[in-house]
Amino acid sequence: MTTINLISKINASKQIVFDVSRNIDIHQQSASPSKEKAIAGITSGLINLNETVTWRGKHFGFYITHKSRITAMNFYDSFVDEMEKGKFKTFKHEHFFEEENGITIMKDKLQYETPFGIFGKLFDDLLLKKHLTNFLLERNKILKVVSEKYV
């Protein structure tokens, strides 16, 4: 299993950052380099507990689909999305939000497993982990810009 942990500091309340983080339209904006679009389930606005979204985007030259469900939500403190259908063996993205002096500390914990045994592990080590880390960093950069506009 691979784990990616990221921390972002955003000059906005955790309520704003929490809602911006689960906004489908803003995610599509942050994922524009991969042409990622919501094609089923919740395709616009805020996603909530037990709702699903299916994404279609171009990664490594191929269009892939990824269906996630929000499996846990603790309003303004955390939420979790987990893959229901897609290319990973397992995929769980936990989002945590803490506020200190008007600054939100947003923490991402992404854990996933690749299929295909040693070949999947090699692909992960050579390309996938860096790709997913960069994808999340770009997403978090957009979340920061959008959230700080509300201040």
C-alpha atoms as a PDB file:
ATOM      1  CA  MET A   1       0.000   0.000   0.000  1.00  0.00           C
ATOM      2  CA  THR A   2       1.206   3.499  -0.860  1.00  0.00           C
ATOM      3  CA  THR A   3       0.429   6.520   1.321  1.00  0.00           C
ATOM      4  CA  ILE A   4       0.671  10.185   0.316  1.00  0.00           C
ATOM      5  CA  ASN A   5       0.389  12.783   3.092  1.00  0.00           C
ATOM      6  CA  LEU A   6       0.102  16.480   2.285  1.00  0.00           C
ATOM      7  CA  ILE A   7      -0.459  19.561   4.435  1.00  0.00           C
ATOM      8  CA  SER A   8      -1.756  22.872   3.064  1.00  0.00           C
ATOM      9  CA  LYS A   9      -2.286  26.128   4.947  1.00  0.00           C
ATOM     10  CA  ILE A  10      -5.185  28.231   3.707  1.00  0.00           C
ATOM     11  CA  ASN A  11      -6.156  31.717   4.887  1.00  0.00           C
ATOM     12  CA  ALA A  12      -9.872  30.958   5.253  1.00  0.00           C
ATOM     13  CA  SER A  13     -12.207  29.351   7.785  1.00  0.00           C
ATOM     14  CA  LYS A  14     -12.364  25.573   7.843  1.00  0.00           C
ATOM     15  CA  GLN A  15     -16.074  25.730   6.906  1.00  0.00           C
ATOM     16  CA  ILE A  16     -15.177  27.477   3.657  1.00  0.00           C
ATOM     17  CA  VAL A  17     -12.244  25.148   2.917  1.00  0.00           C
ATOM     18  CA  PHE A  18     -14.347  22.074   3.767  1.00  0.00           C
ATOM     19  CA  ASP A  19     -17.100  23.088   1.332  1.00  0.00           C
ATOM     20  CA  VAL A  20     -14.673  24.146  -1.410  1.00  0.00           C
ATOM     21  CA  SER A  21     -12.912  20.760  -1.018  1.00  0.00           C
ATOM     22  CA  ARG A  22     -16.078  18.795  -1.735  1.00  0.00           C
ATOM     23  CA  ASN A  23     -17.263  21.000  -4.600  1.00  0.00           C
ATOM     24  CA  ILE A  24     -17.407  18.993  -7.833  1.00  0.00           C
ATOM     25  CA  ASP A  25     -17.142  22.085 -10.062  1.00  0.00           C
ATOM     26  CA  ILE A  26     -13.976  23.294  -8.311  1.00  0.00           C
ATOM     27  CA  HIS A  27     -12.437  19.818  -8.521  1.00  0.00           C
ATOM     28  CA  GLN A  28     -13.053  19.828 -12.279  1.00  0.00           C
ATOM     29  CA  GLN A  29     -11.325  23.216 -12.474  1.00  0.00           C
ATOM     30  CA  SER A  30      -8.289  21.914 -10.563  1.00  0.00           C
ATOM     31  CA  ALA A  31      -8.158  18.745 -12.683  1.00  0.00           C
ATOM     32  CA  SER A  32      -8.388  20.542 -16.027  1.00  0.00           C
ATOM     33  CA  PRO A  33      -4.895  19.394 -17.166  1.00  0.00           C
ATOM     34  CA  SER A  34      -6.221  15.809 -17.195  1.00  0.00           C
ATOM     35  CA  LYS A  35      -9.552  16.916 -18.734  1.00  0.00           C
ATOM     36  CA  GLU A  36     -11.271  15.299 -15.745  1.00  0.00           C
ATOM     37  CA  LYS A  37     -15.057  15.585 -15.776  1.00  0.00           C
ATOM     38  CA  ALA A  38     -17.819  14.307 -13.494  1.00  0.00           C
ATOM     39  CA  ILE A  39     -19.929  12.058 -15.723  1.00  0.00           C
ATOM     40  CA  ALA A  40     -22.270  10.275 -13.271  1.00  0.00           C
ATOM     41  CA  GLY A  41     -23.612  10.540  -9.745  1.00  0.00           C
ATOM     42  CA  ILE A  42     -23.177  14.040  -8.328  1.00  0.00           C
ATOM     43  CA  THR A  43     -21.839  16.037 -11.283  1.00  0.00           C
ATOM     44  CA  SER A  44     -22.063  19.574  -9.895  1.00  0.00           C
ATOM     45  CA  GLY A  45     -22.121  21.388  -6.562  1.00  0.00           C
ATOM     46  CA  LEU A  46     -21.362  19.865  -3.158  1.00  0.00           C
ATOM     47  CA  ILE A  47     -21.074  16.105  -2.662  1.00  0.00           C
ATOM     48  CA  ASN A  48     -22.385  14.692   0.619  1.00  0.00           C
ATOM     49  CA  LEU A  49     -22.271  11.533   2.713  1.00  0.00           C
ATOM     50  CA  ASN A  50     -23.078   8.319   0.810  1.00  0.00           C
ATOM     51  CA  GLU A  51     -23.203  10.116  -2.538  1.00  0.00           C
ATOM     52  CA  THR A  52     -21.084   9.017  -5.480  1.00  0.00           C
ATOM     53  CA  VAL A  53     -19.298  10.714  -8.324  1.00  0.00           C
ATOM     54  CA  THR A  54     -17.799   9.064 -11.388  1.00  0.00           C
ATOM     55  CA  TRP A  55     -14.842  10.879 -12.913  1.00  0.00           C
ATOM     56  CA  ARG A  56     -13.490  10.470 -16.432  1.00  0.00           C
ATOM     57  CA  GLY A  57     -10.055  11.884 -17.143  1.00  0.00           C
ATOM     58  CA  LYS A  58      -6.962  11.384 -19.223  1.00  0.00           C
ATOM     59  CA  HIS A  59      -3.983  10.022 -17.302  1.00  0.00           C
ATOM     60  CA  PHE A  60      -0.826   8.622 -18.899  1.00  0.00           C
ATOM     61  CA  GLY A  61      -2.439   9.048 -22.336  1.00  0.00           C
ATOM     62  CA  PHE A  62      -5.523   6.958 -21.542  1.00  0.00           C
ATOM     63  CA  TYR A  63      -9.060   7.949 -20.587  1.00  0.00           C
ATOM     64  CA  ILE A  64      -9.998   6.230 -17.349  1.00  0.00           C
ATOM     65  CA  THR A  65     -13.055   6.293 -15.113  1.00  0.00           C
ATOM     66  CA  HIS A  66     -13.030   6.325 -11.326  1.00  0.00           C
ATOM     67  CA  LYS A  67     -16.172   6.057  -9.182  1.00  0.00           C
ATOM     68  CA  SER A  68     -15.907   7.269  -5.580  1.00  0.00           C
ATOM     69  CA  ARG A  69     -18.342   7.354  -2.689  1.00  0.00           C
ATOM     70  CA  ILE A  70     -18.219   9.663   0.320  1.00  0.00           C
ATOM     71  CA  THR A  71     -18.026   7.039   3.077  1.00  0.00           C
ATOM     72  CA  ALA A  72     -17.582   9.331   6.092  1.00  0.00           C
ATOM     73  CA  MET A  73     -18.294  12.990   6.811  1.00  0.00           C
ATOM     74  CA  ASN A  74     -17.846  14.883  10.063  1.00  0.00           C
ATOM     75  CA  PHE A  75     -18.962  18.414   9.254  1.00  0.00           C
ATOM     76  CA  TYR A  76     -16.209  20.789   8.953  1.00  0.00           C
ATOM     77  CA  ASP A  77     -13.580  18.449  10.435  1.00  0.00           C
ATOM     78  CA  SER A  78     -13.172  15.629   7.907  1.00  0.00           C
ATOM     79  CA  PHE A  79     -14.549  13.536   5.084  1.00  0.00           C
ATOM     80  CA  VAL A  80     -13.450  10.400   3.262  1.00  0.00           C
ATOM     81  CA  ASP A  81     -13.891   9.320  -0.336  1.00  0.00           C
ATOM     82  CA  GLU A  82     -13.262   5.726  -1.366  1.00  0.00           C
ATOM     83  CA  MET A  83     -13.142   4.126  -4.793  1.00  0.00           C
ATOM     84  CA  GLU A  84     -16.070   1.883  -5.663  1.00  0.00           C
ATOM     85  CA  LYS A  85     -15.010   1.177  -9.236  1.00  0.00           C
ATOM     86  CA  GLY A  86     -11.785   2.009 -11.020  1.00  0.00           C
ATOM     87  CA  LYS A  87      -8.254   0.953 -11.904  1.00  0.00           C
ATOM     88  CA  PHE A  88      -6.863   0.683  -8.363  1.00  0.00           C
ATOM     89  CA  LYS A  89      -7.004  -2.369  -6.127  1.00  0.00           C
ATOM     90  CA  THR A  90      -7.962  -0.004  -3.273  1.00  0.00           C
ATOM     91  CA  PHE A  91      -8.151   3.819  -3.061  1.00  0.00           C
ATOM     92  CA  LYS A  92      -9.035   5.854   0.048  1.00  0.00           C
ATOM     93  CA  HIS A  93      -8.624   9.631   0.349  1.00  0.00           C
ATOM     94  CA  GLU A  94      -9.067  11.138   3.807  1.00  0.00           C
ATOM     95  CA  HIS A  95      -9.452  14.931   4.128  1.00  0.00           C
ATOM     96  CA  PHE A  96      -8.872  16.628   7.520  1.00  0.00           C
ATOM     97  CA  PHE A  97      -9.433  20.284   8.469  1.00  0.00           C
ATOM     98  CA  GLU A  98      -8.184  22.168  11.546  1.00  0.00           C
ATOM     99  CA  GLU A  99      -8.400  25.897  12.151  1.00  0.00           C
ATOM    100  CA  GLU A 100      -5.835  27.957  14.056  1.00  0.00           C
ATOM    101  CA  ASN A 101      -6.126  31.763  14.246  1.00  0.00           C
ATOM    102  CA  GLY A 102      -8.218  31.977  11.069  1.00  0.00           C
ATOM    103  CA  ILE A 103      -5.860  29.727   9.102  1.00  0.00           C
ATOM    104  CA  THR A 104      -7.085  26.297   8.039  1.00  0.00           C
ATOM    105  CA  ILE A 105      -4.622  23.447   8.047  1.00  0.00           C
ATOM    106  CA  MET A 106      -5.882  20.990   5.460  1.00  0.00           C
ATOM    107  CA  LYS A 107      -4.392  17.510   5.553  1.00  0.00           C
ATOM    108  CA  ASP A 108      -4.725  14.933   2.812  1.00  0.00           C
ATOM    109  CA  LYS A 109      -4.027  11.262   3.428  1.00  0.00           C
ATOM    110  CA  LEU A 110      -4.298   9.205   0.258  1.00  0.00           C
ATOM    111  CA  GLN A 111      -3.792   5.451   0.518  1.00  0.00           C
ATOM    112  CA  TYR A 112      -4.015   3.144  -2.471  1.00  0.00           C
ATOM    113  CA  GLU A 113      -2.924  -0.194  -3.828  1.00  0.00           C
ATOM    114  CA  THR A 114      -2.128  -0.901  -7.447  1.00  0.00           C
ATOM    115  CA  PRO A 115      -3.163  -4.124  -9.189  1.00  0.00           C
ATOM    116  CA  PHE A 116      -0.823  -6.353 -11.228  1.00  0.00           C
ATOM    117  CA  GLY A 117       1.571  -7.379  -8.456  1.00  0.00           C
ATOM    118  CA  ILE A 118       5.213  -6.427  -8.980  1.00  0.00           C
ATOM    119  CA  PHE A 119       4.399  -4.642 -12.259  1.00  0.00           C
ATOM    120  CA  GLY A 120       1.857  -2.425 -10.508  1.00  0.00           C
ATOM    121  CA  LYS A 121       4.347  -1.698  -7.728  1.00  0.00           C
ATOM    122  CA  LEU A 122       7.043  -0.791 -10.261  1.00  0.00           C
ATOM    123  CA  PHE A 123       4.615   1.512 -12.124  1.00  0.00           C
ATOM    124  CA  ASP A 124       3.715   3.128  -8.791  1.00  0.00           C
ATOM    125  CA  ASP A 125       7.356   3.654  -7.813  1.00  0.00           C
ATOM    126  CA  LEU A 126       8.393   5.000 -11.224  1.00  0.00           C
ATOM    127  CA  LEU A 127       5.401   7.160 -12.181  1.00  0.00           C
ATOM    128  CA  LEU A 128       2.111   6.874 -10.323  1.00  0.00           C
ATOM    129  CA  LYS A 129       3.008   8.171  -6.841  1.00  0.00           C
ATOM    130  CA  LYS A 130       4.619  11.307  -8.301  1.00  0.00           C
ATOM    131  CA  HIS A 131       1.660  11.804 -10.680  1.00  0.00           C
ATOM    132  CA  LEU A 132      -0.901  11.536  -7.861  1.00  0.00           C
ATOM    133  CA  THR A 133       1.148  13.785  -5.570  1.00  0.00           C
ATOM    134  CA  ASN A 134       1.344  16.460  -8.289  1.00  0.00           C
ATOM    135  CA  PHE A 135      -2.375  16.028  -9.028  1.00  0.00           C
ATOM    136  CA  LEU A 136      -3.199  16.678  -5.350  1.00  0.00           C
ATOM    137  CA  LEU A 137      -0.763  19.589  -5.076  1.00  0.00           C
ATOM    138  CA  GLU A 138      -2.405  21.259  -8.097  1.00  0.00           C
ATOM    139  CA  ARG A 139      -5.851  20.578  -6.626  1.00  0.00           C
ATOM    140  CA  ASN A 140      -4.800  22.063  -3.282  1.00  0.00           C
ATOM    141  CA  LYS A 141      -3.357  25.143  -4.984  1.00  0.00           C
ATOM    142  CA  ILE A 142      -6.750  25.802  -6.639  1.00  0.00           C
ATOM    143  CA  LEU A 143      -8.603  25.089  -3.354  1.00  0.00           C
ATOM    144  CA  LYS A 144      -6.391  27.664  -1.634  1.00  0.00           C
ATOM    145  CA  VAL A 145      -7.011  30.343  -4.294  1.00  0.00           C
ATOM    146  CA  VAL A 146     -10.774  29.768  -4.348  1.00  0.00           C
ATOM    147  CA  SER A 147     -11.126  29.551  -0.539  1.00  0.00           C
ATOM    148  CA  GLU A 148      -9.109  32.707   0.056  1.00  0.00           C
ATOM    149  CA  LYS A 149     -11.395  34.677  -2.284  1.00  0.00           C
ATOM    150  CA  TYR A 150     -14.158  34.272   0.333  1.00  0.00           C
ATOM    151  CA  VAL A 151     -12.126  36.036   3.049  1.00  0.00           C
END
